[in-house]
């Protein structure tokens, strides 16, 4: 597993994290409390009183990190589709999290607007099957797309459709598939 420039690997016993260097202290503090208690990044986010809950395959949390207060969105990776109920959140090591980071960095270099991934965490380290969490910077004015698209035809809904079409177009021009 290659660590991209500007990121560092954190070996934490119960987890291995890859975090942008300026977020490493915050990620470490999120995973290991001052009293030595260990948790996952998703568990940390779920416990925060300032958490904004977003929906997808499961609960996703927008929270402030301990060091500096930067807000991130923390998502626990889960399988979807037909096998989702069977495989749940277990992936073959090293999960898809490292690929998500590489794809995000590549899309940004190609000019495709994408939330900036600041860290991912793998649990347990060294196992054949692992779980993973991914943290990306929160887009301050961002809203849950599913909520907007299921709203009652407001101008916001039309704007969301237009923005989604524009994003898909920029991804296609960059040669990306979703």
C-alpha atoms as a PDB file:
ATOM      1  CA  UNK A   1       0.000   0.000   0.000  1.00  0.00           C
ATOM      2  CA  UNK A   2       1.645   3.199  -1.232  1.00  0.00           C
ATOM      3  CA  UNK A   3       1.217   6.382   0.760  1.00  0.00           C
ATOM      4  CA  UNK A   4       0.704   9.407  -1.527  1.00  0.00           C
ATOM      5  CA  UNK A   5       2.858  12.516  -1.167  1.00  0.00           C
ATOM      6  CA  UNK A   6       1.582  14.775   1.592  1.00  0.00           C
ATOM      7  CA  UNK A   7       0.084  11.838   3.523  1.00  0.00           C
ATOM      8  CA  UNK A   8       1.490   9.669   6.288  1.00  0.00           C
ATOM      9  CA  UNK A   9       0.793   6.219   7.682  1.00  0.00           C
ATOM     10  CA  UNK A  10      -0.264   5.951  11.330  1.00  0.00           C
ATOM     11  CA  UNK A  11       0.242   2.582  13.015  1.00  0.00           C
ATOM     12  CA  UNK A  12      -2.120   2.453  15.978  1.00  0.00           C
ATOM     13  CA  UNK A  13      -2.303  -1.194  17.059  1.00  0.00           C
ATOM     14  CA  UNK A  14      -6.043  -1.598  16.464  1.00  0.00           C
ATOM     15  CA  UNK A  15      -5.930   0.277  13.155  1.00  0.00           C
ATOM     16  CA  UNK A  16      -3.750   1.599  10.352  1.00  0.00           C
ATOM     17  CA  UNK A  17      -4.587   5.066   9.099  1.00  0.00           C
ATOM     18  CA  UNK A  18      -3.341   7.003   6.108  1.00  0.00           C
ATOM     19  CA  UNK A  19      -3.904  10.701   6.744  1.00  0.00           C
ATOM     20  CA  UNK A  20      -2.963  13.933   5.098  1.00  0.00           C
ATOM     21  CA  UNK A  21       0.027  15.148   7.119  1.00  0.00           C
ATOM     22  CA  UNK A  22      -1.764  18.236   8.453  1.00  0.00           C
ATOM     23  CA  UNK A  23      -4.648  16.021   9.667  1.00  0.00           C
ATOM     24  CA  UNK A  24      -2.533  13.229  11.204  1.00  0.00           C
ATOM     25  CA  UNK A  25      -2.706  14.499  14.799  1.00  0.00           C
ATOM     26  CA  UNK A  26      -6.491  14.950  14.610  1.00  0.00           C
ATOM     27  CA  UNK A  27      -6.999  11.500  13.128  1.00  0.00           C
ATOM     28  CA  UNK A  28      -4.769   9.921  15.788  1.00  0.00           C
ATOM     29  CA  UNK A  29      -6.697  11.741  18.563  1.00  0.00           C
ATOM     30  CA  UNK A  30      -9.982  10.588  17.049  1.00  0.00           C
ATOM     31  CA  UNK A  31      -8.854   6.949  17.118  1.00  0.00           C
ATOM     32  CA  UNK A  32      -7.034   6.877  20.466  1.00  0.00           C
ATOM     33  CA  UNK A  33      -8.402   8.928  23.350  1.00  0.00           C
ATOM     34  CA  UNK A  34      -6.259  10.722  25.931  1.00  0.00           C
ATOM     35  CA  UNK A  35      -7.040   7.871  28.343  1.00  0.00           C
ATOM     36  CA  UNK A  36      -5.845   5.281  25.792  1.00  0.00           C
ATOM     37  CA  UNK A  37      -9.302   4.076  24.758  1.00  0.00           C
ATOM     38  CA  UNK A  38      -9.449   3.006  21.150  1.00  0.00           C
ATOM     39  CA  UNK A  39     -12.292   3.401  18.709  1.00  0.00           C
ATOM     40  CA  UNK A  40     -12.971   3.529  15.012  1.00  0.00           C
ATOM     41  CA  UNK A  41     -13.195   6.857  13.232  1.00  0.00           C
ATOM     42  CA  UNK A  42     -16.877   6.194  12.536  1.00  0.00           C
ATOM     43  CA  UNK A  43     -17.527   5.472  16.252  1.00  0.00           C
ATOM     44  CA  UNK A  44     -15.721   8.698  17.168  1.00  0.00           C
ATOM     45  CA  UNK A  45     -17.892  10.657  14.722  1.00  0.00           C
ATOM     46  CA  UNK A  46     -21.121   9.043  15.959  1.00  0.00           C
ATOM     47  CA  UNK A  47     -20.336  10.136  19.549  1.00  0.00           C
ATOM     48  CA  UNK A  48     -19.876  13.829  18.716  1.00  0.00           C
ATOM     49  CA  UNK A  49     -22.612  16.167  19.926  1.00  0.00           C
ATOM     50  CA  UNK A  50     -22.046  18.394  16.878  1.00  0.00           C
ATOM     51  CA  UNK A  51     -22.483  15.537  14.386  1.00  0.00           C
ATOM     52  CA  UNK A  52     -24.690  16.189  11.378  1.00  0.00           C
ATOM     53  CA  UNK A  53     -26.120  12.866  10.183  1.00  0.00           C
ATOM     54  CA  UNK A  54     -26.195  12.147   6.450  1.00  0.00           C
ATOM     55  CA  UNK A  55     -27.775   9.069   4.893  1.00  0.00           C
ATOM     56  CA  UNK A  56     -26.553   6.585   2.305  1.00  0.00           C
ATOM     57  CA  UNK A  57     -25.888   2.874   2.747  1.00  0.00           C
ATOM     58  CA  UNK A  58     -25.613   3.681   6.405  1.00  0.00           C
ATOM     59  CA  UNK A  59     -25.242   6.673   8.697  1.00  0.00           C
ATOM     60  CA  UNK A  60     -22.485   9.075   7.719  1.00  0.00           C
ATOM     61  CA  UNK A  61     -21.442  11.872  10.060  1.00  0.00           C
ATOM     62  CA  UNK A  62     -20.201  15.405   9.435  1.00  0.00           C
ATOM     63  CA  UNK A  63     -18.154  16.397  12.508  1.00  0.00           C
ATOM     64  CA  UNK A  64     -15.368  18.665  13.694  1.00  0.00           C
ATOM     65  CA  UNK A  65     -12.008  16.983  14.245  1.00  0.00           C
ATOM     66  CA  UNK A  66     -10.295  17.428  17.635  1.00  0.00           C
ATOM     67  CA  UNK A  67      -7.246  19.399  16.460  1.00  0.00           C
ATOM     68  CA  UNK A  68      -8.157  22.624  14.696  1.00  0.00           C
ATOM     69  CA  UNK A  69     -11.871  21.919  14.384  1.00  0.00           C
ATOM     70  CA  UNK A  70     -11.875  21.237  10.644  1.00  0.00           C
ATOM     71  CA  UNK A  71     -15.172  19.614   9.700  1.00  0.00           C
ATOM     72  CA  UNK A  72     -15.038  16.298   7.882  1.00  0.00           C
ATOM     73  CA  UNK A  73     -17.543  13.738   6.671  1.00  0.00           C
ATOM     74  CA  UNK A  74     -16.815  10.263   8.050  1.00  0.00           C
ATOM     75  CA  UNK A  75     -18.226   7.306   6.134  1.00  0.00           C
ATOM     76  CA  UNK A  76     -17.947   3.628   7.050  1.00  0.00           C
ATOM     77  CA  UNK A  77     -17.482   1.554   3.886  1.00  0.00           C
ATOM     78  CA  UNK A  78     -20.201  -0.994   3.167  1.00  0.00           C
ATOM     79  CA  UNK A  79     -21.022  -3.201   0.224  1.00  0.00           C
ATOM     80  CA  UNK A  80     -24.131  -2.505  -1.807  1.00  0.00           C
ATOM     81  CA  UNK A  81     -25.974  -4.537  -4.400  1.00  0.00           C
ATOM     82  CA  UNK A  82     -27.046  -8.141  -4.179  1.00  0.00           C
ATOM     83  CA  UNK A  83     -24.117  -9.289  -2.037  1.00  0.00           C
ATOM     84  CA  UNK A  84     -24.365  -6.344   0.355  1.00  0.00           C
ATOM     85  CA  UNK A  85     -26.469  -8.203   2.939  1.00  0.00           C
ATOM     86  CA  UNK A  86     -23.964 -11.089   2.924  1.00  0.00           C
ATOM     87  CA  UNK A  87     -20.646  -9.220   2.879  1.00  0.00           C
ATOM     88  CA  UNK A  88     -21.766  -6.184   4.879  1.00  0.00           C
ATOM     89  CA  UNK A  89     -18.740  -4.067   5.705  1.00  0.00           C
ATOM     90  CA  UNK A  90     -16.024  -6.713   5.211  1.00  0.00           C
ATOM     91  CA  UNK A  91     -13.638  -6.283   2.286  1.00  0.00           C
ATOM     92  CA  UNK A  92     -10.569  -8.170   1.167  1.00  0.00           C
ATOM     93  CA  UNK A  93      -7.489  -6.340   2.466  1.00  0.00           C
ATOM     94  CA  UNK A  94      -6.636  -3.552   1.928  1.00  0.00           C
ATOM     95  CA  UNK A  95     -10.310  -2.692   1.182  1.00  0.00           C
ATOM     96  CA  UNK A  96     -11.293  -0.110  -1.411  1.00  0.00           C
ATOM     97  CA  UNK A  97     -10.237   2.846   0.754  1.00  0.00           C
ATOM     98  CA  UNK A  98      -6.713   3.240  -0.723  1.00  0.00           C
ATOM     99  CA  UNK A  99      -8.235   3.200  -4.225  1.00  0.00           C
ATOM    100  CA  UNK A 100     -10.774   5.854  -3.199  1.00  0.00           C
ATOM    101  CA  UNK A 101      -7.921   8.139  -2.105  1.00  0.00           C
ATOM    102  CA  UNK A 102      -5.960   7.587  -5.334  1.00  0.00           C
ATOM    103  CA  UNK A 103      -9.046   8.150  -7.499  1.00  0.00           C
ATOM    104  CA  UNK A 104      -9.933  11.315  -5.561  1.00  0.00           C
ATOM    105  CA  UNK A 105      -6.414  12.715  -6.036  1.00  0.00           C
ATOM    106  CA  UNK A 106      -6.461  11.829  -9.746  1.00  0.00           C
ATOM    107  CA  UNK A 107      -9.880  13.409 -10.313  1.00  0.00           C
ATOM    108  CA  UNK A 108      -8.737  16.597  -8.556  1.00  0.00           C
ATOM    109  CA  UNK A 109      -5.617  16.745 -10.787  1.00  0.00           C
ATOM    110  CA  UNK A 110      -7.919  16.384 -13.830  1.00  0.00           C
ATOM    111  CA  UNK A 111     -10.080  19.277 -12.663  1.00  0.00           C
ATOM    112  CA  UNK A 112     -13.097  17.240 -11.578  1.00  0.00           C
ATOM    113  CA  UNK A 113     -14.619  18.784  -8.441  1.00  0.00           C
ATOM    114  CA  UNK A 114     -14.558  16.139  -5.741  1.00  0.00           C
ATOM    115  CA  UNK A 115     -14.570  16.226  -1.936  1.00  0.00           C
ATOM    116  CA  UNK A 116     -11.020  16.080  -0.659  1.00  0.00           C
ATOM    117  CA  UNK A 117     -10.235  12.843   1.172  1.00  0.00           C
ATOM    118  CA  UNK A 118      -8.079  13.635   4.191  1.00  0.00           C
ATOM    119  CA  UNK A 119      -7.781  10.136   5.703  1.00  0.00           C
ATOM    120  CA  UNK A 120      -8.816   6.534   5.621  1.00  0.00           C
ATOM    121  CA  UNK A 121      -8.524   3.931   8.356  1.00  0.00           C
ATOM    122  CA  UNK A 122      -8.300   0.126   8.087  1.00  0.00           C
ATOM    123  CA  UNK A 123      -9.381  -2.298  10.840  1.00  0.00           C
ATOM    124  CA  UNK A 124      -7.969  -4.718  11.878  1.00  0.00           C
ATOM    125  CA  UNK A 125      -4.464  -4.179  10.555  1.00  0.00           C
ATOM    126  CA  UNK A 126      -2.933  -7.139   8.781  1.00  0.00           C
ATOM    127  CA  UNK A 127      -6.123  -9.143   8.501  1.00  0.00           C
ATOM    128  CA  UNK A 128      -7.299 -10.889   5.325  1.00  0.00           C
ATOM    129  CA  UNK A 129     -10.727  -9.259   5.749  1.00  0.00           C
ATOM    130  CA  UNK A 130     -10.856  -5.660   6.882  1.00  0.00           C
ATOM    131  CA  UNK A 131     -13.279  -2.845   7.552  1.00  0.00           C
ATOM    132  CA  UNK A 132     -12.570   0.759   6.634  1.00  0.00           C
ATOM    133  CA  UNK A 133     -13.640   4.336   7.262  1.00  0.00           C
ATOM    134  CA  UNK A 134     -12.989   7.299   4.964  1.00  0.00           C
ATOM    135  CA  UNK A 135     -12.915  10.975   5.990  1.00  0.00           C
ATOM    136  CA  UNK A 136     -13.305  13.799   3.489  1.00  0.00           C
ATOM    137  CA  UNK A 137     -13.517  17.543   4.025  1.00  0.00           C
ATOM    138  CA  UNK A 138     -17.076  18.690   4.537  1.00  0.00           C
ATOM    139  CA  UNK A 139     -18.419  20.989   1.833  1.00  0.00           C
ATOM    140  CA  UNK A 140     -19.841  23.709   4.068  1.00  0.00           C
ATOM    141  CA  UNK A 141     -22.835  24.536   1.892  1.00  0.00           C
ATOM    142  CA  UNK A 142     -23.345  20.871   0.939  1.00  0.00           C
ATOM    143  CA  UNK A 143     -26.633  19.106   1.379  1.00  0.00           C
ATOM    144  CA  UNK A 144     -27.668  15.498   1.119  1.00  0.00           C
ATOM    145  CA  UNK A 145     -28.425  14.930  -2.595  1.00  0.00           C
ATOM    146  CA  UNK A 146     -31.083  12.302  -1.862  1.00  0.00           C
ATOM    147  CA  UNK A 147     -32.996  14.785   0.314  1.00  0.00           C
ATOM    148  CA  UNK A 148     -32.913  17.432  -2.405  1.00  0.00           C
ATOM    149  CA  UNK A 149     -33.877  15.085  -5.226  1.00  0.00           C
ATOM    150  CA  UNK A 150     -36.859  13.710  -3.318  1.00  0.00           C
ATOM    151  CA  UNK A 151     -38.126  17.183  -2.439  1.00  0.00           C
ATOM    152  CA  UNK A 152     -41.242  18.605  -4.049  1.00  0.00           C
ATOM    153  CA  UNK A 153     -39.884  20.158  -7.260  1.00  0.00           C
ATOM    154  CA  UNK A 154     -38.296  23.224  -5.731  1.00  0.00           C
ATOM    155  CA  UNK A 155     -35.769  25.372  -7.649  1.00  0.00           C
ATOM    156  CA  UNK A 156     -33.117  23.767  -5.440  1.00  0.00           C
ATOM    157  CA  UNK A 157     -34.026  20.393  -6.947  1.00  0.00           C
ATOM    158  CA  UNK A 158     -33.607  21.707 -10.517  1.00  0.00           C
ATOM    159  CA  UNK A 159     -30.247  23.233  -9.546  1.00  0.00           C
ATOM    160  CA  UNK A 160     -29.146  19.897  -8.039  1.00  0.00           C
ATOM    161  CA  UNK A 161     -30.059  18.048 -11.255  1.00  0.00           C
ATOM    162  CA  UNK A 162     -28.095  20.619 -13.286  1.00  0.00           C
ATOM    163  CA  UNK A 163     -25.059  20.400 -10.973  1.00  0.00           C
ATOM    164  CA  UNK A 164     -25.171  16.584 -11.065  1.00  0.00           C
ATOM    165  CA  UNK A 165     -25.313  16.610 -14.870  1.00  0.00           C
ATOM    166  CA  UNK A 166     -22.367  19.021 -14.985  1.00  0.00           C
ATOM    167  CA  UNK A 167     -20.359  16.827 -12.593  1.00  0.00           C
ATOM    168  CA  UNK A 168     -21.104  13.662 -14.604  1.00  0.00           C
ATOM    169  CA  UNK A 169     -20.030  15.516 -17.762  1.00  0.00           C
ATOM    170  CA  UNK A 170     -16.714  16.555 -16.209  1.00  0.00           C
ATOM    171  CA  UNK A 171     -16.152  12.967 -15.037  1.00  0.00           C
ATOM    172  CA  UNK A 172     -16.858  11.636 -18.541  1.00  0.00           C
ATOM    173  CA  UNK A 173     -14.443  14.170 -20.075  1.00  0.00           C
ATOM    174  CA  UNK A 174     -11.797  13.005 -17.597  1.00  0.00           C
ATOM    175  CA  UNK A 175     -12.455   9.355 -18.537  1.00  0.00           C
ATOM    176  CA  UNK A 176     -13.873   8.432 -15.128  1.00  0.00           C
ATOM    177  CA  UNK A 177     -16.781   6.044 -14.563  1.00  0.00           C
ATOM    178  CA  UNK A 178     -19.007   5.876 -11.529  1.00  0.00           C
END
